[in-house]
Amino acid sequence: MSVTTTENRAFYQTHNVLADYEIHHSVRNENTNVAPPPEPHPAVPGVRNPDDWPTDRRRVPDYRPINMELDMTPRRTYLNPAEGVFVYMLFLGVRVEANTSRIWHATMGKIWDVGYKIGGEW
């Protein structure tokens, strides 16, 4: 005599995924001295948050003033000189476009505004 079984694949797949999220509590040993975790954004002592600092949202870190004495020399910015030249030229083009637009709108753009359609606009 043969045996026929039916399985619900959706149930088993969902059950396996949810099993990954089960909570397992570990037993805390009160005899060990465990240091508290470090503060992720330590506040600068003696500095208060400004009055307009947002407090209506969660996880907004405390105000930290800009460190003007930060040494940038140990930070690696480019992998090789070719990459540095590429990024420099990229931002130089952005700067030229912005300055050209600013000059145009301050002078001739007030008299003769050239407009062109952006992709997809008719």
PDB file of N, CA and C in Angstrom:
ATOM      1  N   MET A   1       0.848  -1.169   0.000  1.00  0.00           N
ATOM      2  CA  MET A   1       0.000   0.000   0.000  1.00  0.00           C
ATOM      3  C   MET A   1       0.897   1.238   0.000  1.00  0.00           C
ATOM      4  N   SER A   2       0.584   2.245  -0.802  1.00  0.00           N
ATOM      5  CA  SER A   2       1.399   3.452  -0.886  1.00  0.00           C
ATOM      6  C   SER A   2       0.874   4.531   0.061  1.00  0.00           C
ATOM      7  N   VAL A   3       1.800   5.414   0.429  1.00  0.00           N
ATOM      8  CA  VAL A   3       1.452   6.513   1.330  1.00  0.00           C
ATOM      9  C   VAL A   3       1.577   7.817   0.551  1.00  0.00           C
ATOM     10  N   THR A   4       0.578   8.670   0.642  1.00  0.00           N
ATOM     11  CA  THR A   4       0.581   9.968  -0.023  1.00  0.00           C
ATOM     12  C   THR A   4       0.649  11.046   1.045  1.00  0.00           C
ATOM     13  N   THR A   5       1.624  11.951   0.906  1.00  0.00           N
ATOM     14  CA  THR A   5       1.742  13.062   1.857  1.00  0.00           C
ATOM     15  C   THR A   5       1.616  14.378   1.103  1.00  0.00           C
ATOM     16  N   THR A   6       1.102  15.362   1.788  1.00  0.00           N
ATOM     17  CA  THR A   6       0.956  16.701   1.223  1.00  0.00           C
ATOM     18  C   THR A   6       1.671  17.678   2.135  1.00  0.00           C
ATOM     19  N   GLU A   7       2.459  18.551   1.549  1.00  0.00           N
ATOM     20  CA  GLU A   7       3.129  19.559   2.370  1.00  0.00           C
ATOM     21  C   GLU A   7       2.775  20.944   1.840  1.00  0.00           C
ATOM     22  N   ASN A   8       2.700  21.862   2.748  1.00  0.00           N
ATOM     23  CA  ASN A   8       2.387  23.248   2.410  1.00  0.00           C
ATOM     24  C   ASN A   8       3.712  24.000   2.342  1.00  0.00           C
ATOM     25  N   ARG A   9       4.230  24.221   1.133  1.00  0.00           N
ATOM     26  CA  ARG A   9       5.535  24.868   0.980  1.00  0.00           C
ATOM     27  C   ARG A   9       5.538  26.300   1.518  1.00  0.00           C
ATOM     28  N   ALA A  10       4.449  27.019   1.364  1.00  0.00           N
ATOM     29  CA  ALA A  10       4.395  28.398   1.853  1.00  0.00           C
ATOM     30  C   ALA A  10       4.557  28.430   3.367  1.00  0.00           C
ATOM     31  N   PHE A  11       3.931  27.479   4.082  1.00  0.00           N
ATOM     32  CA  PHE A  11       4.043  27.451   5.539  1.00  0.00           C
ATOM     33  C   PHE A  11       5.473  27.160   5.957  1.00  0.00           C
ATOM     34  N   TYR A  12       6.099  26.160   5.333  1.00  0.00           N
ATOM     35  CA  TYR A  12       7.445  25.782   5.740  1.00  0.00           C
ATOM     36  C   TYR A  12       8.457  26.871   5.407  1.00  0.00           C
ATOM     37  N   GLN A  13       8.300  27.530   4.274  1.00  0.00           N
ATOM     38  CA  GLN A  13       9.220  28.604   3.936  1.00  0.00           C
ATOM     39  C   GLN A  13       9.048  29.778   4.887  1.00  0.00           C
ATOM     40  N   THR A  14       7.818  30.146   5.198  1.00  0.00           N
ATOM     41  CA  THR A  14       7.575  31.242   6.131  1.00  0.00           C
ATOM     42  C   THR A  14       8.086  30.885   7.519  1.00  0.00           C
ATOM     43  N   HIS A  15       7.859  29.647   7.931  1.00  0.00           N
ATOM     44  CA  HIS A  15       8.314  29.224   9.252  1.00  0.00           C
ATOM     45  C   HIS A  15       9.833  29.294   9.340  1.00  0.00           C
ATOM     46  N   ASN A  16      10.538  28.894   8.295  1.00  0.00           N
ATOM     47  CA  ASN A  16      12.000  28.941   8.323  1.00  0.00           C
ATOM     48  C   ASN A  16      12.505  30.369   8.388  1.00  0.00           C
ATOM     49  N   VAL A  17      11.852  31.274   7.670  1.00  0.00           N
ATOM     50  CA  VAL A  17      12.275  32.675   7.707  1.00  0.00           C
ATOM     51  C   VAL A  17      12.009  33.262   9.084  1.00  0.00           C
ATOM     52  N   LEU A  18      10.851  32.993   9.645  1.00  0.00           N
ATOM     53  CA  LEU A  18      10.534  33.544  10.959  1.00  0.00           C
ATOM     54  C   LEU A  18      11.391  32.933  12.057  1.00  0.00           C
ATOM     55  N   ALA A  19      11.877  31.725  11.862  1.00  0.00           N
ATOM     56  CA  ALA A  19      12.729  31.106  12.873  1.00  0.00           C
ATOM     57  C   ALA A  19      14.032  31.875  13.034  1.00  0.00           C
ATOM     58  N   ASP A  20      14.452  32.556  11.987  1.00  0.00           N
ATOM     59  CA  ASP A  20      15.671  33.359  12.087  1.00  0.00           C
ATOM     60  C   ASP A  20      15.505  34.532  13.042  1.00  0.00           C
ATOM     61  N   TYR A  21      14.280  34.971  13.257  1.00  0.00           N
ATOM     62  CA  TYR A  21      14.024  36.147  14.083  1.00  0.00           C
ATOM     63  C   TYR A  21      13.572  35.803  15.498  1.00  0.00           C
ATOM     64  N   GLU A  22      13.667  34.556  15.900  1.00  0.00           N
ATOM     65  CA  GLU A  22      13.273  34.185  17.251  1.00  0.00           C
ATOM     66  C   GLU A  22      14.230  34.811  18.250  1.00  0.00           C
ATOM     67  N   ILE A  23      13.698  35.212  19.378  1.00  0.00           N
ATOM     68  CA  ILE A  23      14.500  35.863  20.411  1.00  0.00           C
ATOM     69  C   ILE A  23      15.014  34.803  21.370  1.00  0.00           C
ATOM     70  N   HIS A  24      16.308  34.809  21.601  1.00  0.00           N
ATOM     71  CA  HIS A  24      16.929  33.894  22.546  1.00  0.00           C
ATOM     72  C   HIS A  24      17.590  34.723  23.626  1.00  0.00           C
ATOM     73  N   HIS A  25      17.142  34.551  24.857  1.00  0.00           N
ATOM     74  CA  HIS A  25      17.713  35.305  25.975  1.00  0.00           C
ATOM     75  C   HIS A  25      18.876  34.513  26.558  1.00  0.00           C
ATOM     76  N   SER A  26      19.980  35.193  26.787  1.00  0.00           N
ATOM     77  CA  SER A  26      21.111  34.541  27.428  1.00  0.00           C
ATOM     78  C   SER A  26      21.046  34.823  28.922  1.00  0.00           C
ATOM     79  N   VAL A  27      21.629  33.942  29.677  1.00  0.00           N
ATOM     80  CA  VAL A  27      21.633  34.085  31.131  1.00  0.00           C
ATOM     81  C   VAL A  27      22.760  35.042  31.496  1.00  0.00           C
ATOM     82  N   ARG A  28      22.423  36.079  32.267  1.00  0.00           N
ATOM     83  CA  ARG A  28      23.425  37.054  32.675  1.00  0.00           C
ATOM     84  C   ARG A  28      24.038  36.615  33.992  1.00  0.00           C
ATOM     85  N   ASN A  29      25.335  36.576  34.012  1.00  0.00           N
ATOM     86  CA  ASN A  29      26.053  36.211  35.216  1.00  0.00           C
ATOM     87  C   ASN A  29      26.335  37.492  35.993  1.00  0.00           C
ATOM     88  N   GLU A  30      25.809  37.606  37.171  1.00  0.00           N
ATOM     89  CA  GLU A  30      25.937  38.829  37.964  1.00  0.00           C
ATOM     90  C   GLU A  30      27.330  38.980  38.562  1.00  0.00           C
ATOM     91  N   ASN A  31      28.138  37.933  38.550  1.00  0.00           N
ATOM     92  CA  ASN A  31      29.458  38.005  39.170  1.00  0.00           C
ATOM     93  C   ASN A  31      30.500  38.653  38.261  1.00  0.00           C
ATOM     94  N   THR A  32      30.239  38.720  36.973  1.00  0.00           N
ATOM     95  CA  THR A  32      31.230  39.297  36.066  1.00  0.00           C
ATOM     96  C   THR A  32      31.055  40.803  36.002  1.00  0.00           C
ATOM     97  N   ASN A  33      32.154  41.505  35.909  1.00  0.00           N
ATOM     98  CA  ASN A  33      32.134  42.956  35.776  1.00  0.00           C
ATOM     99  C   ASN A  33      32.259  43.295  34.293  1.00  0.00           C
ATOM    100  N   VAL A  34      31.177  43.705  33.694  1.00  0.00           N
ATOM    101  CA  VAL A  34      31.161  44.036  32.278  1.00  0.00           C
ATOM    102  C   VAL A  34      31.049  45.543  32.153  1.00  0.00           C
ATOM    103  N   ALA A  35      31.942  46.119  31.356  1.00  0.00           N
ATOM    104  CA  ALA A  35      31.914  47.566  31.154  1.00  0.00           C
ATOM    105  C   ALA A  35      30.730  47.919  30.262  1.00  0.00           C
ATOM    106  N   PRO A  36      30.092  49.075  30.487  1.00  0.00           N
ATOM    107  CA  PRO A  36      28.984  49.473  29.624  1.00  0.00           C
ATOM    108  C   PRO A  36      29.496  49.771  28.218  1.00  0.00           C
ATOM    109  N   PRO A  37      28.637  49.637  27.208  1.00  0.00           N
ATOM    110  CA  PRO A  37      29.094  49.919  25.852  1.00  0.00           C
ATOM    111  C   PRO A  37      29.472  51.384  25.695  1.00  0.00           C
ATOM    112  N   PRO A  38      30.437  51.679  24.823  1.00  0.00           N
ATOM    113  CA  PRO A  38      30.866  53.076  24.668  1.00  0.00           C
ATOM    114  C   PRO A  38      29.779  53.915  24.027  1.00  0.00           C
ATOM    115  N   GLU A  39      29.788  55.186  24.333  1.00  0.00           N
ATOM    116  CA  GLU A  39      28.832  56.131  23.751  1.00  0.00           C
ATOM    117  C   GLU A  39      29.161  56.309  22.272  1.00  0.00           C
ATOM    118  N   PRO A  40      28.187  56.087  21.356  1.00  0.00           N
ATOM    119  CA  PRO A  40      28.520  56.186  19.940  1.00  0.00           C
ATOM    120  C   PRO A  40      28.900  57.596  19.498  1.00  0.00           C
ATOM    121  N   HIS A  41      28.298  58.613  20.071  1.00  0.00           N
ATOM    122  CA  HIS A  41      28.607  60.003  19.740  1.00  0.00           C
ATOM    123  C   HIS A  41      28.854  60.752  21.044  1.00  0.00           C
ATOM    124  N   PRO A  42      30.084  60.696  21.537  1.00  0.00           N
ATOM    125  CA  PRO A  42      30.318  61.370  22.821  1.00  0.00           C
ATOM    126  C   PRO A  42      30.153  62.875  22.679  1.00  0.00           C
ATOM    127  N   ALA A  43      29.481  63.442  23.626  1.00  0.00           N
ATOM    128  CA  ALA A  43      29.242  64.892  23.610  1.00  0.00           C
ATOM    129  C   ALA A  43      30.505  65.622  24.045  1.00  0.00           C
ATOM    130  N   VAL A  44      30.711  66.769  23.474  1.00  0.00           N
ATOM    131  CA  VAL A  44      31.847  67.597  23.858  1.00  0.00           C
ATOM    132  C   VAL A  44      31.489  68.249  25.191  1.00  0.00           C
ATOM    133  N   PRO A  45      32.355  68.103  26.198  1.00  0.00           N
ATOM    134  CA  PRO A  45      31.998  68.683  27.503  1.00  0.00           C
ATOM    135  C   PRO A  45      31.927  70.199  27.436  1.00  0.00           C
ATOM    136  N   GLY A  46      30.939  70.751  28.083  1.00  0.00           N
ATOM    137  CA  GLY A  46      30.777  72.191  28.158  1.00  0.00           C
ATOM    138  C   GLY A  46      30.035  72.797  26.974  1.00  0.00           C
ATOM    139  N   VAL A  47      29.576  71.984  26.028  1.00  0.00           N
ATOM    140  CA  VAL A  47      28.850  72.492  24.859  1.00  0.00           C
ATOM    141  C   VAL A  47      27.405  72.042  24.966  1.00  0.00           C
ATOM    142  N   ARG A  48      26.494  73.001  24.864  1.00  0.00           N
ATOM    143  CA  ARG A  48      25.061  72.696  24.936  1.00  0.00           C
ATOM    144  C   ARG A  48      24.469  72.701  23.538  1.00  0.00           C
ATOM    145  N   ASN A  49      23.344  72.028  23.404  1.00  0.00           N
ATOM    146  CA  ASN A  49      22.630  72.064  22.135  1.00  0.00           C
ATOM    147  C   ASN A  49      22.069  73.461  21.901  1.00  0.00           C
ATOM    148  N   PRO A  50      22.100  73.953  20.663  1.00  0.00           N
ATOM    149  CA  PRO A  50      21.481  75.252  20.374  1.00  0.00           C
ATOM    150  C   PRO A  50      19.981  75.203  20.632  1.00  0.00           C
ATOM    151  N   ASP A  51      19.373  76.374  20.783  1.00  0.00           N
ATOM    152  CA  ASP A  51      17.933  76.427  21.073  1.00  0.00           C
ATOM    153  C   ASP A  51      17.094  75.867  19.938  1.00  0.00           C
ATOM    154  N   ASP A  52      17.564  76.000  18.684  1.00  0.00           N
ATOM    155  CA  ASP A  52      16.781  75.497  17.555  1.00  0.00           C
ATOM    156  C   ASP A  52      17.152  74.059  17.178  1.00  0.00           C
ATOM    157  N   TRP A  53      17.874  73.343  18.047  1.00  0.00           N
ATOM    158  CA  TRP A  53      18.264  71.965  17.770  1.00  0.00           C
ATOM    159  C   TRP A  53      17.030  71.068  17.834  1.00  0.00           C
ATOM    160  N   PRO A  54      16.816  70.183  16.831  1.00  0.00           N
ATOM    161  CA  PRO A  54      15.591  69.383  16.808  1.00  0.00           C
ATOM    162  C   PRO A  54      15.541  68.368  17.947  1.00  0.00           C
ATOM    163  N   THR A  55      14.417  68.351  18.641  1.00  0.00           N
ATOM    164  CA  THR A  55      14.207  67.372  19.708  1.00  0.00           C
ATOM    165  C   THR A  55      12.943  66.556  19.478  1.00  0.00           C
ATOM    166  N   ASP A  56      12.225  66.818  18.379  1.00  0.00           N
ATOM    167  CA  ASP A  56      10.992  66.098  18.127  1.00  0.00           C
ATOM    168  C   ASP A  56      11.211  64.802  17.344  1.00  0.00           C
ATOM    169  N   ARG A  57      12.454  64.503  16.985  1.00  0.00           N
ATOM    170  CA  ARG A  57      12.762  63.271  16.279  1.00  0.00           C
ATOM    171  C   ARG A  57      13.656  62.404  17.152  1.00  0.00           C
ATOM    172  N   ARG A  58      13.540  61.100  16.961  1.00  0.00           N
ATOM    173  CA  ARG A  58      14.368  60.210  17.754  1.00  0.00           C
ATOM    174  C   ARG A  58      15.754  60.075  17.150  1.00  0.00           C
ATOM    175  N   ARG A  59      16.711  59.763  17.974  1.00  0.00           N
ATOM    176  CA  ARG A  59      18.089  59.452  17.600  1.00  0.00           C
ATOM    177  C   ARG A  59      18.832  60.611  16.964  1.00  0.00           C
ATOM    178  N   VAL A  60      18.464  61.839  17.266  1.00  0.00           N
ATOM    179  CA  VAL A  60      19.239  62.985  16.794  1.00  0.00           C
ATOM    180  C   VAL A  60      20.395  63.150  17.771  1.00  0.00           C
ATOM    181  N   PRO A  61      21.651  63.043  17.283  1.00  0.00           N
ATOM    182  CA  PRO A  61      22.778  63.149  18.217  1.00  0.00           C
ATOM    183  C   PRO A  61      22.925  64.557  18.758  1.00  0.00           C
ATOM    184  N   ASP A  62      23.639  64.673  19.850  1.00  0.00           N
ATOM    185  CA  ASP A  62      23.893  65.978  20.438  1.00  0.00           C
ATOM    186  C   ASP A  62      24.753  66.817  19.496  1.00  0.00           C
ATOM    187  N   TYR A  63      24.648  68.111  19.663  1.00  0.00           N
ATOM    188  CA  TYR A  63      25.399  69.057  18.840  1.00  0.00           C
ATOM    189  C   TYR A  63      26.880  68.920  19.138  1.00  0.00           C
ATOM    190  N   ARG A  64      27.670  68.832  18.080  1.00  0.00           N
ATOM    191  CA  ARG A  64      29.125  68.825  18.218  1.00  0.00           C
ATOM    192  C   ARG A  64      29.680  69.916  17.322  1.00  0.00           C
ATOM    193  N   PRO A  65      30.426  70.867  17.871  1.00  0.00           N
ATOM    194  CA  PRO A  65      30.980  71.932  17.035  1.00  0.00           C
ATOM    195  C   PRO A  65      32.026  71.377  16.064  1.00  0.00           C
ATOM    196  N   ILE A  66      32.284  72.113  14.997  1.00  0.00           N
ATOM    197  CA  ILE A  66      33.253  71.697  13.994  1.00  0.00           C
ATOM    198  C   ILE A  66      34.653  71.773  14.585  1.00  0.00           C
ATOM    199  N   ASN A  67      35.433  70.732  14.350  1.00  0.00           N
ATOM    200  CA  ASN A  67      36.816  70.698  14.821  1.00  0.00           C
ATOM    201  C   ASN A  67      37.693  71.361  13.776  1.00  0.00           C
ATOM    202  N   MET A  68      38.088  72.599  14.005  1.00  0.00           N
ATOM    203  CA  MET A  68      38.892  73.339  13.047  1.00  0.00           C
ATOM    204  C   MET A  68      40.364  72.920  13.064  1.00  0.00           C
ATOM    205  N   GLU A  69      40.814  72.195  14.091  1.00  0.00           N
ATOM    206  CA  GLU A  69      42.198  71.747  14.171  1.00  0.00           C
ATOM    207  C   GLU A  69      42.368  70.316  13.703  1.00  0.00           C
ATOM    208  N   LEU A  70      41.416  69.768  12.961  1.00  0.00           N
ATOM    209  CA  LEU A  70      41.471  68.385  12.504  1.00  0.00           C
ATOM    210  C   LEU A  70      42.561  68.220  11.451  1.00  0.00           C
ATOM    211  N   ASP A  71      43.442  67.254  11.650  1.00  0.00           N
ATOM    212  CA  ASP A  71      44.542  66.994  10.721  1.00  0.00           C
ATOM    213  C   ASP A  71      44.051  66.031   9.641  1.00  0.00           C
ATOM    214  N   MET A  72      43.996  66.503   8.388  1.00  0.00           N
ATOM    215  CA  MET A  72      43.482  65.691   7.291  1.00  0.00           C
ATOM    216  C   MET A  72      44.576  64.905   6.579  1.00  0.00           C
ATOM    217  N   THR A  73      45.851  65.093   6.931  1.00  0.00           N
ATOM    218  CA  THR A  73      46.933  64.425   6.201  1.00  0.00           C
ATOM    219  C   THR A  73      46.907  62.906   6.330  1.00  0.00           C
ATOM    220  N   PRO A  74      46.532  62.304   7.472  1.00  0.00           N
ATOM    221  CA  PRO A  74      46.554  60.835   7.502  1.00  0.00           C
ATOM    222  C   PRO A  74      45.381  60.201   6.758  1.00  0.00           C
ATOM    223  N   ARG A  75      44.405  60.982   6.331  1.00  0.00           N
ATOM    224  CA  ARG A  75      43.252  60.414   5.638  1.00  0.00           C
ATOM    225  C   ARG A  75      43.576  60.231   4.163  1.00  0.00           C
ATOM    226  N   ARG A  76      43.281  59.060   3.668  1.00  0.00           N
ATOM    227  CA  ARG A  76      43.555  58.739   2.274  1.00  0.00           C
ATOM    228  C   ARG A  76      42.348  59.158   1.440  1.00  0.00           C
ATOM    229  N   THR A  77      42.561  60.047   0.495  1.00  0.00           N
ATOM    230  CA  THR A  77      41.439  60.550  -0.276  1.00  0.00           C
ATOM    231  C   THR A  77      41.329  59.914  -1.645  1.00  0.00           C
ATOM    232  N   TYR A  78      42.446  59.620  -2.291  1.00  0.00           N
ATOM    233  CA  TYR A  78      42.426  59.023  -3.632  1.00  0.00           C
ATOM    234  C   TYR A  78      43.332  57.801  -3.648  1.00  0.00           C
ATOM    235  N   LEU A  79      42.979  56.822  -4.457  1.00  0.00           N
ATOM    236  CA  LEU A  79      43.794  55.618  -4.545  1.00  0.00           C
ATOM    237  C   LEU A  79      45.043  55.828  -5.391  1.00  0.00           C
ATOM    238  N   ASN A  80      44.943  56.703  -6.407  1.00  0.00           N
ATOM    239  CA  ASN A  80      46.102  56.974  -7.258  1.00  0.00           C
ATOM    240  C   ASN A  80      45.941  58.377  -7.839  1.00  0.00           C
ATOM    241  N   PRO A  81      46.987  58.937  -8.432  1.00  0.00           N
ATOM    242  CA  PRO A  81      46.906  60.306  -8.970  1.00  0.00           C
ATOM    243  C   PRO A  81      45.874  60.457 -10.086  1.00  0.00           C
ATOM    244  N   ALA A  82      45.669  59.423 -10.890  1.00  0.00           N
ATOM    245  CA  ALA A  82      44.685  59.515 -11.972  1.00  0.00           C
ATOM    246  C   ALA A  82      43.276  59.723 -11.414  1.00  0.00           C
ATOM    247  N   GLU A  83      42.968  59.040 -10.316  1.00  0.00           N
ATOM    248  CA  GLU A  83      41.657  59.217  -9.692  1.00  0.00           C
ATOM    249  C   GLU A  83      41.517  60.625  -9.120  1.00  0.00           C
ATOM    250  N   GLY A  84      42.590  61.148  -8.557  1.00  0.00           N
ATOM    251  CA  GLY A  84      42.562  62.511  -8.027  1.00  0.00           C
ATOM    252  C   GLY A  84      42.315  63.534  -9.122  1.00  0.00           C
ATOM    253  N   VAL A  85      42.976  63.369 -10.271  1.00  0.00           N
ATOM    254  CA  VAL A  85      42.777  64.289 -11.394  1.00  0.00           C
ATOM    255  C   VAL A  85      41.349  64.182 -11.914  1.00  0.00           C
ATOM    256  N   PHE A  86      40.814  62.961 -12.006  1.00  0.00           N
ATOM    257  CA  PHE A  86      39.448  62.769 -12.485  1.00  0.00           C
ATOM    258  C   PHE A  86      38.437  63.478 -11.586  1.00  0.00           C
ATOM    259  N   VAL A  87      38.546  63.288 -10.286  1.00  0.00           N
ATOM    260  CA  VAL A  87      37.605  63.910  -9.353  1.00  0.00           C
ATOM    261  C   VAL A  87      37.764  65.431  -9.375  1.00  0.00           C
ATOM    262  N   TYR A  88      39.011  65.915  -9.461  1.00  0.00           N
ATOM    263  CA  TYR A  88      39.245  67.354  -9.536  1.00  0.00           C
ATOM    264  C   TYR A  88      38.580  67.947 -10.782  1.00  0.00           C
ATOM    265  N   MET A  89      38.756  67.299 -11.932  1.00  0.00           N
ATOM    266  CA  MET A  89      38.156  67.793 -13.178  1.00  0.00           C
ATOM    267  C   MET A  89      36.632  67.720 -13.119  1.00  0.00           C
ATOM    268  N   LEU A  90      36.111  66.694 -12.480  1.00  0.00           N
ATOM    269  CA  LEU A  90      34.664  66.555 -12.339  1.00  0.00           C
ATOM    270  C   LEU A  90      34.093  67.744 -11.561  1.00  0.00           C
ATOM    271  N   PHE A  91      34.669  68.038 -10.425  1.00  0.00           N
ATOM    272  CA  PHE A  91      34.162  69.149  -9.625  1.00  0.00           C
ATOM    273  C   PHE A  91      34.495  70.506 -10.226  1.00  0.00           C
ATOM    274  N   LEU A  92      35.576  70.583 -10.998  1.00  0.00           N
ATOM    275  CA  LEU A  92      35.875  71.818 -11.705  1.00  0.00           C
ATOM    276  C   LEU A  92      34.787  72.119 -12.732  1.00  0.00           C
ATOM    277  N   GLY A  93      34.309  71.095 -13.437  1.00  0.00           N
ATOM    278  CA  GLY A  93      33.214  71.279 -14.385  1.00  0.00           C
ATOM    279  C   GLY A  93      31.935  71.728 -13.706  1.00  0.00           C
ATOM    280  N   VAL A  94      31.640  71.162 -12.556  1.00  0.00           N
ATOM    281  CA  VAL A  94      30.452  71.574 -11.803  1.00  0.00           C
ATOM    282  C   VAL A  94      30.586  73.032 -11.376  1.00  0.00           C
ATOM    283  N   ARG A  95      31.785  73.420 -10.924  1.00  0.00           N
ATOM    284  CA  ARG A  95      32.012  74.798 -10.494  1.00  0.00           C
ATOM    285  C   ARG A  95      31.878  75.777 -11.665  1.00  0.00           C
ATOM    286  N   VAL A  96      32.413  75.402 -12.841  1.00  0.00           N
ATOM    287  CA  VAL A  96      32.315  76.268 -14.018  1.00  0.00           C
ATOM    288  C   VAL A  96      30.860  76.436 -14.432  1.00  0.00           C
ATOM    289  N   GLU A  97      30.085  75.362 -14.440  1.00  0.00           N
ATOM    290  CA  GLU A  97      28.663  75.448 -14.791  1.00  0.00           C
ATOM    291  C   GLU A  97      27.901  76.329 -13.798  1.00  0.00           C
ATOM    292  N   ALA A  98      28.175  76.184 -12.510  1.00  0.00           N
ATOM    293  CA  ALA A  98      27.482  76.987 -11.505  1.00  0.00           C
ATOM    294  C   ALA A  98      27.832  78.459 -11.638  1.00  0.00           C
ATOM    295  N   ASN A  99      29.115  78.767 -11.832  1.00  0.00           N
ATOM    296  CA  ASN A  99      29.522  80.171 -11.984  1.00  0.00           C
ATOM    297  C   ASN A  99      28.963  80.782 -13.267  1.00  0.00           C
ATOM    298  N   THR A 100      28.957  80.022 -14.351  1.00  0.00           N
ATOM    299  CA  THR A 100      28.389  80.515 -15.606  1.00  0.00           C
ATOM    300  C   THR A 100      26.909  80.825 -15.442  1.00  0.00           C
ATOM    301  N   SER A 101      26.192  79.945 -14.789  1.00  0.00           N
ATOM    302  CA  SER A 101      24.759  80.173 -14.561  1.00  0.00           C
ATOM    303  C   SER A 101      24.534  81.398 -13.681  1.00  0.00           C
ATOM    304  N   ARG A 102      25.339  81.524 -12.636  1.00  0.00           N
ATOM    305  CA  ARG A 102      25.184  82.659 -11.725  1.00  0.00           C
ATOM    306  C   ARG A 102      25.457  83.984 -12.455  1.00  0.00           C
ATOM    307  N   ILE A 103      26.514  84.002 -13.253  1.00  0.00           N
ATOM    308  CA  ILE A 103      26.842  85.231 -13.998  1.00  0.00           C
ATOM    309  C   ILE A 103      25.758  85.534 -15.034  1.00  0.00           C
ATOM    310  N   TRP A 104      25.288  84.515 -15.737  1.00  0.00           N
ATOM    311  CA  TRP A 104      24.255  84.732 -16.759  1.00  0.00           C
ATOM    312  C   TRP A 104      22.976  85.300 -16.137  1.00  0.00           C
ATOM    313  N   HIS A 105      22.520  84.703 -15.051  1.00  0.00           N
ATOM    314  CA  HIS A 105      21.276  85.162 -14.425  1.00  0.00           C
ATOM    315  C   HIS A 105      21.428  86.528 -13.766  1.00  0.00           C
ATOM    316  N   ALA A 106      22.643  86.923 -13.420  1.00  0.00           N
ATOM    317  CA  ALA A 106      22.862  88.241 -12.835  1.00  0.00           C
ATOM    318  C   ALA A 106      22.977  89.327 -13.897  1.00  0.00           C
ATOM    319  N   THR A 107      23.282  88.966 -15.144  1.00  0.00           N
ATOM    320  CA  THR A 107      23.483  89.979 -16.189  1.00  0.00           C
ATOM    321  C   THR A 107      22.435  89.823 -17.282  1.00  0.00           C
ATOM    322  N   MET A 108      22.748  89.103 -18.329  1.00  0.00           N
ATOM    323  CA  MET A 108      21.875  88.989 -19.500  1.00  0.00           C
ATOM    324  C   MET A 108      20.618  88.179 -19.242  1.00  0.00           C
ATOM    325  N   GLY A 109      20.636  87.323 -18.257  1.00  0.00           N
ATOM    326  CA  GLY A 109      19.464  86.502 -17.968  1.00  0.00           C
ATOM    327  C   GLY A 109      18.271  87.320 -17.523  1.00  0.00           C
ATOM    328  N   LYS A 110      18.502  88.524 -17.004  1.00  0.00           N
ATOM    329  CA  LYS A 110      17.401  89.396 -16.611  1.00  0.00           C
ATOM    330  C   LYS A 110      16.681  89.963 -17.829  1.00  0.00           C
ATOM    331  N   ILE A 111      17.409  90.100 -18.936  1.00  0.00           N
ATOM    332  CA  ILE A 111      16.822  90.660 -20.154  1.00  0.00           C
ATOM    333  C   ILE A 111      16.328  89.555 -21.080  1.00  0.00           C
ATOM    334  N   TRP A 112      17.163  88.584 -21.316  1.00  0.00           N
ATOM    335  CA  TRP A 112      16.852  87.541 -22.292  1.00  0.00           C
ATOM    336  C   TRP A 112      17.108  86.181 -21.640  1.00  0.00           C
ATOM    337  N   ASP A 113      16.043  85.568 -21.151  1.00  0.00           N
ATOM    338  CA  ASP A 113      16.169  84.292 -20.462  1.00  0.00           C
ATOM    339  C   ASP A 113      16.021  83.160 -21.469  1.00  0.00           C
ATOM    340  N   VAL A 114      17.086  82.450 -21.718  1.00  0.00           N
ATOM    341  CA  VAL A 114      17.067  81.324 -22.641  1.00  0.00           C
ATOM    342  C   VAL A 114      16.607  80.101 -21.867  1.00  0.00           C
ATOM    343  N   GLY A 115      15.535  79.518 -22.334  1.00  0.00           N
ATOM    344  CA  GLY A 115      15.045  78.304 -21.694  1.00  0.00           C
ATOM    345  C   GLY A 115      15.049  77.163 -22.686  1.00  0.00           C
ATOM    346  N   TYR A 116      15.257  75.996 -22.208  1.00  0.00           N
ATOM    347  CA  TYR A 116      15.220  74.832 -23.076  1.00  0.00           C
ATOM    348  C   TYR A 116      14.500  73.714 -22.330  1.00  0.00           C
ATOM    349  N   LYS A 117      13.917  72.847 -23.100  1.00  0.00           N
ATOM    350  CA  LYS A 117      13.128  71.784 -22.523  1.00  0.00           C
ATOM    351  C   LYS A 117      14.054  70.691 -21.964  1.00  0.00           C
ATOM    352  N   ILE A 118      13.730  70.264 -20.783  1.00  0.00           N
ATOM    353  CA  ILE A 118      14.479  69.190 -20.150  1.00  0.00           C
ATOM    354  C   ILE A 118      13.873  67.865 -20.624  1.00  0.00           C
ATOM    355  N   GLY A 119      14.664  66.832 -20.701  1.00  0.00           N
ATOM    356  CA  GLY A 119      14.248  65.547 -21.249  1.00  0.00           C
ATOM    357  C   GLY A 119      12.846  65.118 -20.836  1.00  0.00           C
ATOM    358  N   GLY A 120      12.001  64.840 -21.806  1.00  0.00           N
ATOM    359  CA  GLY A 120      10.649  64.371 -21.557  1.00  0.00           C
ATOM    360  C   GLY A 120       9.614  65.463 -21.450  1.00  0.00           C
ATOM    361  N   GLU A 121       9.998  66.737 -21.375  1.00  0.00           N
ATOM    362  CA  GLU A 121       9.037  67.850 -21.293  1.00  0.00           C
ATOM    363  C   GLU A 121       8.719  68.350 -22.695  1.00  0.00           C
ATOM    364  N   TRP A 122       7.424  68.564 -22.991  1.00  0.00           N
ATOM    365  CA  TRP A 122       7.017  69.072 -24.317  1.00  0.00           C
ATOM    366  C   TRP A 122       6.115  70.244 -24.151  1.00  0.00           C
TER     367      TRP A 122
END
